[in-house]
Amino acid sequence: MKQKVTITRTDAGATTAFMSSAYEWSKNYPSWDQALDEAVDLQLLNKVESAAAKMMPPGISLPRQCQDRHSGSDRSRLQLHERTAAVGAFG
């Protein structure tokens, strides 16, 4: 199953959201660097992409698609939400 992943830089830090057909997982970070480091750890970005993304201004998102290869321990770092119509803007 494919999942959409969006990493968004905000004025206050960053947010990472995983979206599947039934659920959305998300996590807020106090800094953009922490979000990018965890994305590399979860193999959502490679180190070159992460280094380039560090120069992006707030408000910019990094949309990604990945296979459902993330373990339960990866997801346990994120907050689980049932997907609703309000999340439809992501896909």
Protein backbone atom coordinates (compact mmCIF):
# COMPACT_ATOMS: atom_id res chain seq x y z
CA MET A 1 0.00 0.00 0.00
CA LYS A 2 1.36 3.41 -0.90
CA GLN A 3 1.37 6.20 1.61
CA LYS A 4 1.70 9.92 1.06
CA VAL A 5 4.15 11.68 3.32
CA THR A 6 4.35 15.45 3.67
CA ILE A 7 7.08 17.21 5.61
CA THR A 8 6.21 20.88 6.07
CA ARG A 9 8.42 23.62 7.42
CA THR A 10 6.54 26.07 9.63
CA ASP A 11 7.47 29.26 11.45
CA ALA A 12 7.44 27.28 14.71
CA GLY A 13 9.36 24.22 13.43
CA ALA A 14 7.93 21.47 11.24
CA THR A 15 5.21 18.86 10.84
CA THR A 16 5.44 15.43 9.25
CA ALA A 17 2.22 13.71 8.16
CA PHE A 18 1.81 10.16 6.82
CA MET A 19 -1.47 9.56 4.99
CA SER A 20 -2.95 6.23 3.89
CA SER A 21 -6.43 5.42 2.69
CA ALA A 22 -7.71 4.99 6.26
CA TYR A 23 -5.41 6.83 8.65
CA GLU A 24 -3.20 9.83 9.10
CA TRP A 25 -0.18 9.90 11.41
CA SER A 26 1.46 13.18 12.28
CA LYS A 27 4.16 14.68 14.43
CA ASN A 28 5.19 18.24 15.21
CA TYR A 29 8.85 19.17 15.64
CA PRO A 30 10.37 22.19 17.37
CA SER A 31 12.84 22.60 14.50
CA TRP A 32 13.10 21.92 10.76
CA ASP A 33 16.44 20.18 11.30
CA GLN A 34 14.88 17.65 13.70
CA ALA A 35 12.13 16.84 11.19
CA LEU A 36 14.68 16.32 8.41
CA ASP A 37 16.91 14.18 10.63
CA GLU A 38 13.98 11.90 11.47
CA ALA A 39 12.96 11.76 7.77
CA VAL A 40 16.47 10.51 6.95
CA ASP A 41 16.24 8.02 9.83
CA LEU A 42 12.92 6.71 8.44
CA GLN A 43 14.45 6.62 4.93
CA LEU A 44 11.96 9.16 3.57
CA LEU A 45 14.82 11.41 2.43
CA ASN A 46 18.45 10.73 1.73
CA LYS A 47 21.21 12.90 3.20
CA VAL A 48 21.61 14.97 0.02
CA GLU A 49 17.88 15.76 -0.12
CA SER A 50 17.94 16.64 3.57
CA ALA A 51 20.89 19.01 3.14
CA ALA A 52 19.15 20.75 0.23
CA ALA A 53 15.87 20.99 2.16
CA LYS A 54 17.59 22.81 5.04
CA MET A 55 17.66 25.93 2.84
CA MET A 56 13.91 25.92 2.18
CA PRO A 57 11.83 28.77 3.66
CA PRO A 58 8.86 28.22 6.03
CA GLY A 59 5.58 27.23 4.38
CA ILE A 60 7.22 24.90 1.87
CA SER A 61 6.25 21.21 1.90
CA LEU A 62 8.19 18.16 0.78
CA PRO A 63 5.59 15.73 -0.60
CA ARG A 64 6.75 12.10 -0.86
CA GLN A 65 5.20 8.74 -1.64
CA CYS A 66 6.44 5.50 -0.15
CA GLN A 67 5.45 1.89 0.20
CA ASP A 68 4.05 0.86 3.56
CA ARG A 69 7.42 -0.38 4.80
CA HIS A 70 7.47 1.48 8.10
CA SER A 71 7.21 -0.64 11.20
CA GLY A 72 4.92 -0.11 14.14
CA SER A 73 7.85 1.33 16.08
CA ASP A 74 8.28 4.00 13.39
CA ARG A 75 4.60 4.85 13.61
CA SER A 76 4.66 4.89 17.40
CA ARG A 77 6.67 8.13 17.14
CA LEU A 78 3.72 9.71 15.32
CA GLN A 79 0.23 10.61 16.45
CA LEU A 80 -2.55 8.47 14.90
CA HIS A 81 -5.70 10.12 13.54
CA GLU A 82 -8.60 8.57 11.65
CA ARG A 83 -8.77 10.12 8.24
CA THR A 84 -11.73 12.44 7.67
CA ALA A 85 -13.00 14.58 4.83
CA ALA A 86 -10.99 17.53 6.21
CA VAL A 87 -7.79 15.65 5.37
CA GLY A 88 -8.89 15.41 1.72
CA ALA A 89 -6.76 18.42 0.86
CA PHE A 90 -3.72 16.12 1.05
CA GLY A 91 -4.82 13.85 -1.70
